[in-house]
Amino acid sequence: KRFMGRRHNEVQSEEKIVPYDVVGGDSDYVKVNVNGKEHTPPEISALVLRKLKDAAESFLG
């Protein structure tokens, strides 16, 4: 969430304190390396929301 909509050069001090790899050029938007694939913060949010939706639908039938 802290990286959403921000460029890589804006988060260089914060990227040192997170337990995952933050990638991108200075003028590029932030991307996170997960299992060898690069995702933007909005893509990760969409994946989380999709997983929550699937879990809720499974629980509720």
PDB file of N, CA and C in Angstrom:
ATOM      1  N   LYS A   1       0.828  -1.189   0.000  1.00  0.00           N
ATOM      2  CA  LYS A   1       0.000   0.000   0.000  1.00  0.00           C
ATOM      3  C   LYS A   1       0.872   1.252   0.000  1.00  0.00           C
ATOM      4  N   ARG A   2       1.965   1.212   0.711  1.00  0.00           N
ATOM      5  CA  ARG A   2       2.825   2.396   0.807  1.00  0.00           C
ATOM      6  C   ARG A   2       3.501   2.752  -0.505  1.00  0.00           C
ATOM      7  N   PHE A   3       3.563   1.815  -1.449  1.00  0.00           N
ATOM      8  CA  PHE A   3       4.228   2.063  -2.723  1.00  0.00           C
ATOM      9  C   PHE A   3       3.263   2.373  -3.863  1.00  0.00           C
ATOM     10  N   MET A   4       1.978   2.304  -3.610  1.00  0.00           N
ATOM     11  CA  MET A   4       0.993   2.463  -4.678  1.00  0.00           C
ATOM     12  C   MET A   4       1.053   3.860  -5.298  1.00  0.00           C
ATOM     13  N   GLY A   5       1.212   3.898  -6.614  1.00  0.00           N
ATOM     14  CA  GLY A   5       1.232   5.156  -7.344  1.00  0.00           C
ATOM     15  C   GLY A   5       2.512   5.958  -7.210  1.00  0.00           C
ATOM     16  N   ARG A   6       3.544   5.348  -6.643  1.00  0.00           N
ATOM     17  CA  ARG A   6       4.799   6.075  -6.442  1.00  0.00           C
ATOM     18  C   ARG A   6       5.878   5.541  -7.366  1.00  0.00           C
ATOM     19  N   ARG A   7       6.811   6.404  -7.671  1.00  0.00           N
ATOM     20  CA  ARG A   7       7.938   6.026  -8.530  1.00  0.00           C
ATOM     21  C   ARG A   7       9.071   5.483  -7.656  1.00  0.00           C
ATOM     22  N   HIS A   8       9.924   4.696  -8.303  1.00  0.00           N
ATOM     23  CA  HIS A   8      10.997   4.019  -7.576  1.00  0.00           C
ATOM     24  C   HIS A   8      11.911   4.998  -6.847  1.00  0.00           C
ATOM     25  N   ASN A   9      12.209   6.140  -7.463  1.00  0.00           N
ATOM     26  CA  ASN A   9      13.118   7.089  -6.806  1.00  0.00           C
ATOM     27  C   ASN A   9      12.478   7.760  -5.594  1.00  0.00           C
ATOM     28  N   GLU A  10      11.173   7.639  -5.407  1.00  0.00           N
ATOM     29  CA  GLU A  10      10.490   8.225  -4.250  1.00  0.00           C
ATOM     30  C   GLU A  10      10.505   7.306  -3.031  1.00  0.00           C
ATOM     31  N   VAL A  11      10.827   6.049  -3.220  1.00  0.00           N
ATOM     32  CA  VAL A  11      10.702   5.080  -2.128  1.00  0.00           C
ATOM     33  C   VAL A  11      12.013   4.384  -1.777  1.00  0.00           C
ATOM     34  N   GLN A  12      13.130   4.931  -2.207  1.00  0.00           N
ATOM     35  CA  GLN A  12      14.403   4.245  -1.999  1.00  0.00           C
ATOM     36  C   GLN A  12      14.736   4.043  -0.527  1.00  0.00           C
ATOM     37  N   SER A  13      14.356   4.954   0.339  1.00  0.00           N
ATOM     38  CA  SER A  13      14.642   4.748   1.764  1.00  0.00           C
ATOM     39  C   SER A  13      13.696   3.718   2.371  1.00  0.00           C
ATOM     40  N   GLU A  14      12.455   3.672   1.908  1.00  0.00           N
ATOM     41  CA  GLU A  14      11.476   2.729   2.450  1.00  0.00           C
ATOM     42  C   GLU A  14      11.700   1.300   1.967  1.00  0.00           C
ATOM     43  N   GLU A  15      12.255   1.152   0.765  1.00  0.00           N
ATOM     44  CA  GLU A  15      12.423  -0.197   0.228  1.00  0.00           C
ATOM     45  C   GLU A  15      13.433  -1.013   1.033  1.00  0.00           C
ATOM     46  N   LYS A  16      14.257  -0.357   1.812  1.00  0.00           N
ATOM     47  CA  LYS A  16      15.257  -1.061   2.615  1.00  0.00           C
ATOM     48  C   LYS A  16      14.650  -1.739   3.835  1.00  0.00           C
ATOM     49  N   ILE A  17      13.427  -1.365   4.216  1.00  0.00           N
ATOM     50  CA  ILE A  17      12.832  -1.906   5.439  1.00  0.00           C
ATOM     51  C   ILE A  17      11.738  -2.941   5.179  1.00  0.00           C
ATOM     52  N   VAL A  18      11.483  -3.269   3.914  1.00  0.00           N
ATOM     53  CA  VAL A  18      10.453  -4.261   3.611  1.00  0.00           C
ATOM     54  C   VAL A  18      11.109  -5.601   3.290  1.00  0.00           C
ATOM     55  N   PRO A  19      10.430  -6.714   3.579  1.00  0.00           N
ATOM     56  CA  PRO A  19      11.041  -8.034   3.403  1.00  0.00           C
ATOM     57  C   PRO A  19      10.928  -8.605   1.993  1.00  0.00           C
ATOM     58  N   TYR A  20      10.705  -7.763   1.005  1.00  0.00           N
ATOM     59  CA  TYR A  20      10.590  -8.227  -0.372  1.00  0.00           C
ATOM     60  C   TYR A  20      11.378  -7.297  -1.274  1.00  0.00           C
ATOM     61  N   ASP A  21      11.654  -7.758  -2.495  1.00  0.00           N
ATOM     62  CA  ASP A  21      12.459  -6.983  -3.441  1.00  0.00           C
ATOM     63  C   ASP A  21      11.603  -5.957  -4.165  1.00  0.00           C
ATOM     64  N   VAL A  22      12.011  -4.700  -4.084  1.00  0.00           N
ATOM     65  CA  VAL A  22      11.363  -3.612  -4.813  1.00  0.00           C
ATOM     66  C   VAL A  22      12.249  -3.300  -6.004  1.00  0.00           C
ATOM     67  N   VAL A  23      11.669  -3.308  -7.207  1.00  0.00           N
ATOM     68  CA  VAL A  23      12.457  -3.122  -8.422  1.00  0.00           C
ATOM     69  C   VAL A  23      11.878  -1.992  -9.265  1.00  0.00           C
ATOM     70  N   GLY A  24      12.692  -1.547 -10.209  1.00  0.00           N
ATOM     71  CA  GLY A  24      12.271  -0.505 -11.143  1.00  0.00           C
ATOM     72  C   GLY A  24      13.341   0.555 -11.273  1.00  0.00           C
ATOM     73  N   GLY A  25      13.360   1.214 -12.423  1.00  0.00           N
ATOM     74  CA  GLY A  25      14.278   2.325 -12.631  1.00  0.00           C
ATOM     75  C   GLY A  25      13.807   3.544 -11.854  1.00  0.00           C
ATOM     76  N   ASP A  26      14.665   4.555 -11.758  1.00  0.00           N
ATOM     77  CA  ASP A  26      14.332   5.741 -10.971  1.00  0.00           C
ATOM     78  C   ASP A  26      13.020   6.390 -11.388  1.00  0.00           C
ATOM     79  N   SER A  27      12.740   6.448 -12.688  1.00  0.00           N
ATOM     80  CA  SER A  27      11.514   7.108 -13.141  1.00  0.00           C
ATOM     81  C   SER A  27      10.363   6.124 -13.342  1.00  0.00           C
ATOM     82  N   ASP A  28      10.605   4.839 -13.109  1.00  0.00           N
ATOM     83  CA  ASP A  28       9.561   3.819 -13.258  1.00  0.00           C
ATOM     84  C   ASP A  28       8.709   3.736 -12.002  1.00  0.00           C
ATOM     85  N   TYR A  29       7.464   3.314 -12.190  1.00  0.00           N
ATOM     86  CA  TYR A  29       6.636   3.037 -11.028  1.00  0.00           C
ATOM     87  C   TYR A  29       7.189   1.812 -10.317  1.00  0.00           C
ATOM     88  N   VAL A  30       6.951   1.728  -9.042  1.00  0.00           N
ATOM     89  CA  VAL A  30       7.456   0.640  -8.216  1.00  0.00           C
ATOM     90  C   VAL A  30       6.848  -0.684  -8.664  1.00  0.00           C
ATOM     91  N   LYS A  31       7.683  -1.712  -8.665  1.00  0.00           N
ATOM     92  CA  LYS A  31       7.236  -3.079  -8.884  1.00  0.00           C
ATOM     93  C   LYS A  31       7.854  -3.941  -7.799  1.00  0.00           C
ATOM     94  N   VAL A  32       7.172  -5.021  -7.466  1.00  0.00           N
ATOM     95  CA  VAL A  32       7.639  -5.931  -6.436  1.00  0.00           C
ATOM     96  C   VAL A  32       7.898  -7.283  -7.090  1.00  0.00           C
ATOM     97  N   ASN A  33       9.042  -7.861  -6.789  1.00  0.00           N
ATOM     98  CA  ASN A  33       9.409  -9.155  -7.341  1.00  0.00           C
ATOM     99  C   ASN A  33       8.872 -10.253  -6.425  1.00  0.00           C
ATOM    100  N   VAL A  34       7.935 -11.054  -6.956  1.00  0.00           N
ATOM    101  CA  VAL A  34       7.337 -12.152  -6.200  1.00  0.00           C
ATOM    102  C   VAL A  34       7.459 -13.420  -7.033  1.00  0.00           C
ATOM    103  N   ASN A  35       8.173 -14.395  -6.509  1.00  0.00           N
ATOM    104  CA  ASN A  35       8.373 -15.674  -7.198  1.00  0.00           C
ATOM    105  C   ASN A  35       8.888 -15.488  -8.623  1.00  0.00           C
ATOM    106  N   GLY A  36       9.798 -14.549  -8.814  1.00  0.00           N
ATOM    107  CA  GLY A  36      10.405 -14.327 -10.116  1.00  0.00           C
ATOM    108  C   GLY A  36       9.579 -13.496 -11.077  1.00  0.00           C
ATOM    109  N   LYS A  37       8.413 -13.036 -10.646  1.00  0.00           N
ATOM    110  CA  LYS A  37       7.566 -12.196 -11.499  1.00  0.00           C
ATOM    111  C   LYS A  37       7.449 -10.816 -10.869  1.00  0.00           C
ATOM    112  N   GLU A  38       7.403  -9.800 -11.721  1.00  0.00           N
ATOM    113  CA  GLU A  38       7.269  -8.430 -11.230  1.00  0.00           C
ATOM    114  C   GLU A  38       5.811  -7.997 -11.290  1.00  0.00           C
ATOM    115  N   HIS A  39       5.322  -7.473 -10.164  1.00  0.00           N
ATOM    116  CA  HIS A  39       3.941  -7.010 -10.061  1.00  0.00           C
ATOM    117  C   HIS A  39       3.928  -5.588  -9.525  1.00  0.00           C
ATOM    118  N   THR A  40       2.977  -4.791  -9.997  1.00  0.00           N
ATOM    119  CA  THR A  40       2.782  -3.452  -9.443  1.00  0.00           C
ATOM    120  C   THR A  40       1.926  -3.575  -8.183  1.00  0.00           C
ATOM    121  N   PRO A  41       1.979  -2.587  -7.295  1.00  0.00           N
ATOM    122  CA  PRO A  41       1.130  -2.638  -6.102  1.00  0.00           C
ATOM    123  C   PRO A  41      -0.363  -2.812  -6.411  1.00  0.00           C
ATOM    124  N   PRO A  42      -0.929  -2.130  -7.433  1.00  0.00           N
ATOM    125  CA  PRO A  42      -2.344  -2.391  -7.734  1.00  0.00           C
ATOM    126  C   PRO A  42      -2.618  -3.836  -8.172  1.00  0.00           C
ATOM    127  N   GLU A  43      -1.669  -4.452  -8.878  1.00  0.00           N
ATOM    128  CA  GLU A  43      -1.846  -5.853  -9.271  1.00  0.00           C
ATOM    129  C   GLU A  43      -1.863  -6.758  -8.044  1.00  0.00           C
ATOM    130  N   ILE A  44      -1.003  -6.487  -7.084  1.00  0.00           N
ATOM    131  CA  ILE A  44      -0.969  -7.284  -5.858  1.00  0.00           C
ATOM    132  C   ILE A  44      -2.259  -7.100  -5.073  1.00  0.00           C
ATOM    133  N   SER A  45      -2.759  -5.875  -5.005  1.00  0.00           N
ATOM    134  CA  SER A  45      -4.040  -5.627  -4.333  1.00  0.00           C
ATOM    135  C   SER A  45      -5.159  -6.413  -4.996  1.00  0.00           C
ATOM    136  N   ALA A  46      -5.164  -6.441  -6.321  1.00  0.00           N
ATOM    137  CA  ALA A  46      -6.190  -7.192  -7.048  1.00  0.00           C
ATOM    138  C   ALA A  46      -6.092  -8.687  -6.751  1.00  0.00           C
ATOM    139  N   LEU A  47      -4.871  -9.217  -6.662  1.00  0.00           N
ATOM    140  CA  LEU A  47      -4.693 -10.631  -6.340  1.00  0.00           C
ATOM    141  C   LEU A  47      -5.219 -10.949  -4.942  1.00  0.00           C
ATOM    142  N   VAL A  48      -4.935 -10.087  -3.986  1.00  0.00           N
ATOM    143  CA  VAL A  48      -5.400 -10.287  -2.610  1.00  0.00           C
ATOM    144  C   VAL A  48      -6.922 -10.230  -2.550  1.00  0.00           C
ATOM    145  N   LEU A  49      -7.510  -9.228  -3.194  1.00  0.00           N
ATOM    146  CA  LEU A  49      -8.967  -9.099  -3.185  1.00  0.00           C
ATOM    147  C   LEU A  49      -9.641 -10.285  -3.876  1.00  0.00           C
ATOM    148  N   ARG A  50      -9.051 -10.770  -4.961  1.00  0.00           N
ATOM    149  CA  ARG A  50      -9.608 -11.937  -5.645  1.00  0.00           C
ATOM    150  C   ARG A  50      -9.575 -13.155  -4.735  1.00  0.00           C
ATOM    151  N   LYS A  51      -8.473 -13.332  -4.005  1.00  0.00           N
ATOM    152  CA  LYS A  51      -8.347 -14.465  -3.086  1.00  0.00           C
ATOM    153  C   LYS A  51      -9.377 -14.364  -1.958  1.00  0.00           C
ATOM    154  N   LEU A  52      -9.565 -13.158  -1.419  1.00  0.00           N
ATOM    155  CA  LEU A  52     -10.571 -12.960  -0.372  1.00  0.00           C
ATOM    156  C   LEU A  52     -11.979 -13.233  -0.896  1.00  0.00           C
ATOM    157  N   LYS A  53     -12.265 -12.780  -2.100  1.00  0.00           N
ATOM    158  CA  LYS A  53     -13.579 -13.008  -2.712  1.00  0.00           C
ATOM    159  C   LYS A  53     -13.826 -14.498  -2.892  1.00  0.00           C
ATOM    160  N   ASP A  54     -12.822 -15.213  -3.399  1.00  0.00           N
ATOM    161  CA  ASP A  54     -12.958 -16.655  -3.594  1.00  0.00           C
ATOM    162  C   ASP A  54     -13.188 -17.374  -2.268  1.00  0.00           C
ATOM    163  N   ALA A  55     -12.468 -16.960  -1.225  1.00  0.00           N
ATOM    164  CA  ALA A  55     -12.629 -17.578   0.091  1.00  0.00           C
ATOM    165  C   ALA A  55     -14.025 -17.312   0.651  1.00  0.00           C
ATOM    166  N   ALA A  56     -14.520 -16.095   0.496  1.00  0.00           N
ATOM    167  CA  ALA A  56     -15.858 -15.752   0.987  1.00  0.00           C
ATOM    168  C   ALA A  56     -16.928 -16.534   0.233  1.00  0.00           C
ATOM    169  N   GLU A  57     -16.792 -16.626  -1.085  1.00  0.00           N
ATOM    170  CA  GLU A  57     -17.765 -17.383  -1.874  1.00  0.00           C
ATOM    171  C   GLU A  57     -17.747 -18.858  -1.508  1.00  0.00           C
ATOM    172  N   SER A  58     -16.570 -19.394  -1.254  1.00  0.00           N
ATOM    173  CA  SER A  58     -16.450 -20.792  -0.866  1.00  0.00           C
ATOM    174  C   SER A  58     -17.098 -21.036   0.496  1.00  0.00           C
ATOM    175  N   PHE A  59     -16.882 -20.126   1.424  1.00  0.00           N
ATOM    176  CA  PHE A  59     -17.445 -20.262   2.767  1.00  0.00           C
ATOM    177  C   PHE A  59     -18.965 -20.120   2.756  1.00  0.00           C
ATOM    178  N   LEU A  60     -19.466 -19.169   1.977  1.00  0.00           N
ATOM    179  CA  LEU A  60     -20.901 -18.893   1.958  1.00  0.00           C
ATOM    180  C   LEU A  60     -21.683 -19.809   1.018  1.00  0.00           C
ATOM    181  N   GLY A  61     -20.960 -20.495   0.177  1.00  0.00           N
ATOM    182  CA  GLY A  61     -21.618 -21.437  -0.726  1.00  0.00           C
ATOM    183  C   GLY A  61     -22.081 -20.820  -1.941  1.00  0.00           C
TER     184      GLY A  61
END
